[in-house]
Protein backbone atom coordinates (compact mmCIF):
# COMPACT_ATOMS: atom_id res chain seq x y z
CA MET A 1 -27.00 41.11 1.24
CA MET A 2 -25.64 38.12 -0.60
CA ASN A 3 -28.04 35.36 -1.48
CA PHE A 4 -27.36 31.65 -1.07
CA VAL A 5 -26.11 31.03 -4.62
CA ASN A 6 -23.55 33.84 -4.43
CA ILE A 7 -22.15 32.40 -1.20
CA TRP A 8 -21.63 29.02 -2.92
CA VAL A 9 -19.96 30.69 -5.92
CA VAL A 10 -17.60 32.69 -3.72
CA SER A 11 -16.75 29.61 -1.64
CA SER A 12 -16.02 27.56 -4.76
CA PHE A 13 -13.70 30.28 -6.11
CA PHE A 14 -12.03 30.35 -2.70
CA MET A 15 -11.52 26.57 -2.90
CA VAL A 16 -9.97 26.84 -6.36
CA PHE A 17 -7.61 29.63 -5.34
CA CYS A 18 -6.59 27.83 -2.13
CA GLY A 19 -5.83 24.72 -4.17
CA LEU A 20 -3.82 26.79 -6.64
CA TRP A 21 -1.90 28.45 -3.81
CA SER A 22 -1.08 25.11 -2.21
CA PHE A 23 -0.06 23.70 -5.60
CA ILE A 24 2.38 26.58 -6.12
CA SER A 25 3.79 26.79 -2.62
CA TYR A 26 3.96 23.13 -1.53
CA HIS A 27 5.44 21.47 -4.59
CA LYS A 28 8.20 19.42 -2.96
CA HIS A 29 6.24 16.16 -2.81
CA LEU A 30 4.09 14.59 -5.49
CA LEU A 31 1.36 13.69 -3.00
CA ASN A 32 0.93 17.34 -1.98
CA SER A 33 0.61 18.32 -5.63
CA LEU A 34 -1.98 15.63 -6.31
CA LEU A 35 -4.05 16.58 -3.27
CA SER A 36 -4.08 20.25 -4.24
CA LEU A 37 -5.14 19.35 -7.78
CA GLU A 38 -8.00 17.25 -6.40
CA PHE A 39 -9.05 20.12 -4.14
CA MET A 40 -9.13 22.42 -7.16
CA MET A 41 -11.24 19.88 -9.05
CA LEU A 42 -13.73 19.74 -6.18
CA GLY A 43 -13.97 23.53 -6.23
CA VAL A 44 -14.61 23.50 -9.97
CA PHE A 45 -17.20 20.76 -9.48
CA LEU A 46 -18.97 22.83 -6.83
CA LEU A 47 -18.99 25.87 -9.12
CA LEU A 48 -20.21 23.79 -12.04
CA SER A 49 -23.00 22.16 -10.06
CA VAL A 50 -24.17 25.50 -8.64
CA GLN A 51 -24.22 27.11 -12.07
CA LEU A 52 -25.91 24.16 -13.78
CA SER A 53 -28.55 23.72 -11.08
CA GLY A 54 -30.18 26.95 -12.24
CA VAL A 55 -30.38 25.71 -15.83
CA GLY A 56 -32.56 22.71 -15.08
CA SER A 57 -31.88 19.12 -16.00
CA GLU A 58 -28.22 19.63 -16.99
CA ILE A 59 -26.92 18.07 -13.75
CA TYR A 60 -25.72 15.03 -15.73
CA PHE A 61 -22.82 17.06 -17.13
CA SER A 62 -21.56 17.74 -13.60
CA LEU A 63 -21.76 14.01 -12.79
CA PHE A 64 -19.72 13.30 -15.93
CA PHE A 65 -17.17 15.88 -14.74
CA LEU A 66 -17.03 14.24 -11.31
CA THR A 67 -16.45 10.84 -12.94
CA LEU A 68 -13.54 12.21 -14.96
CA ALA A 69 -12.07 13.86 -11.84
CA ALA A 70 -12.24 10.52 -10.00
CA CYS A 71 -10.49 8.79 -12.90
CA GLU A 72 -7.82 11.50 -12.86
CA GLY A 73 -7.32 10.94 -9.14
CA ALA A 74 -6.97 7.19 -9.60
CA LEU A 75 -4.42 7.71 -12.36
CA GLY A 76 -2.46 10.13 -10.18
CA LEU A 77 -2.41 7.69 -7.27
CA SER A 78 -1.26 4.85 -9.50
CA LEU A 79 1.59 7.04 -10.78
CA LEU A 80 2.45 7.91 -7.18
CA VAL A 81 2.67 4.22 -6.25
CA LEU A 82 4.81 3.52 -9.31
CA ILE A 83 7.20 6.38 -8.49
CA VAL A 84 7.48 5.40 -4.82
CA ARG A 85 8.26 1.80 -5.79
CA SER A 86 10.89 2.80 -8.35
CA HIS A 87 12.55 5.76 -6.58
CA GLY A 88 11.79 5.09 -2.92
CA ASN A 89 10.12 8.45 -2.19
CA ASP A 90 7.90 11.05 -3.83
CA ARG A 91 10.16 14.09 -3.66
CA PHE A 92 10.55 15.93 -6.94
CA MET A 93 14.23 16.65 -6.33
CA SER A 94 15.09 12.93 -6.38
CA PHE A 95 13.70 12.31 -9.88
CA ASN A 96 16.17 12.08 -12.72
CA LEU A 97 14.45 13.27 -15.88
CA LEU A 98 17.18 11.94 -18.17
CA GLU A 99 16.72 8.36 -16.91
CA CYS A 100 14.48 6.11 -18.97
């Protein structure tokens, strides 16, 4: 029988792999890619917090990781707004990489 910690570890790995699968398969829009990356970060945060809760008072490292993930999300959303304003949509096929 699996104990409670193993269930959380398996569910966090499942979250990471579902985020990776959605990042690979639904890559037509930038918003889908950003949401799948955030879902993977939440899975890694869950795994990190479960593993560090057994160590003791090292929960501050997981809060630091969560802060960096929130900053990464804000940066991604600001890039999304910039791309939508300049190109009109967030489809990857409409971006011209040679354009400055």
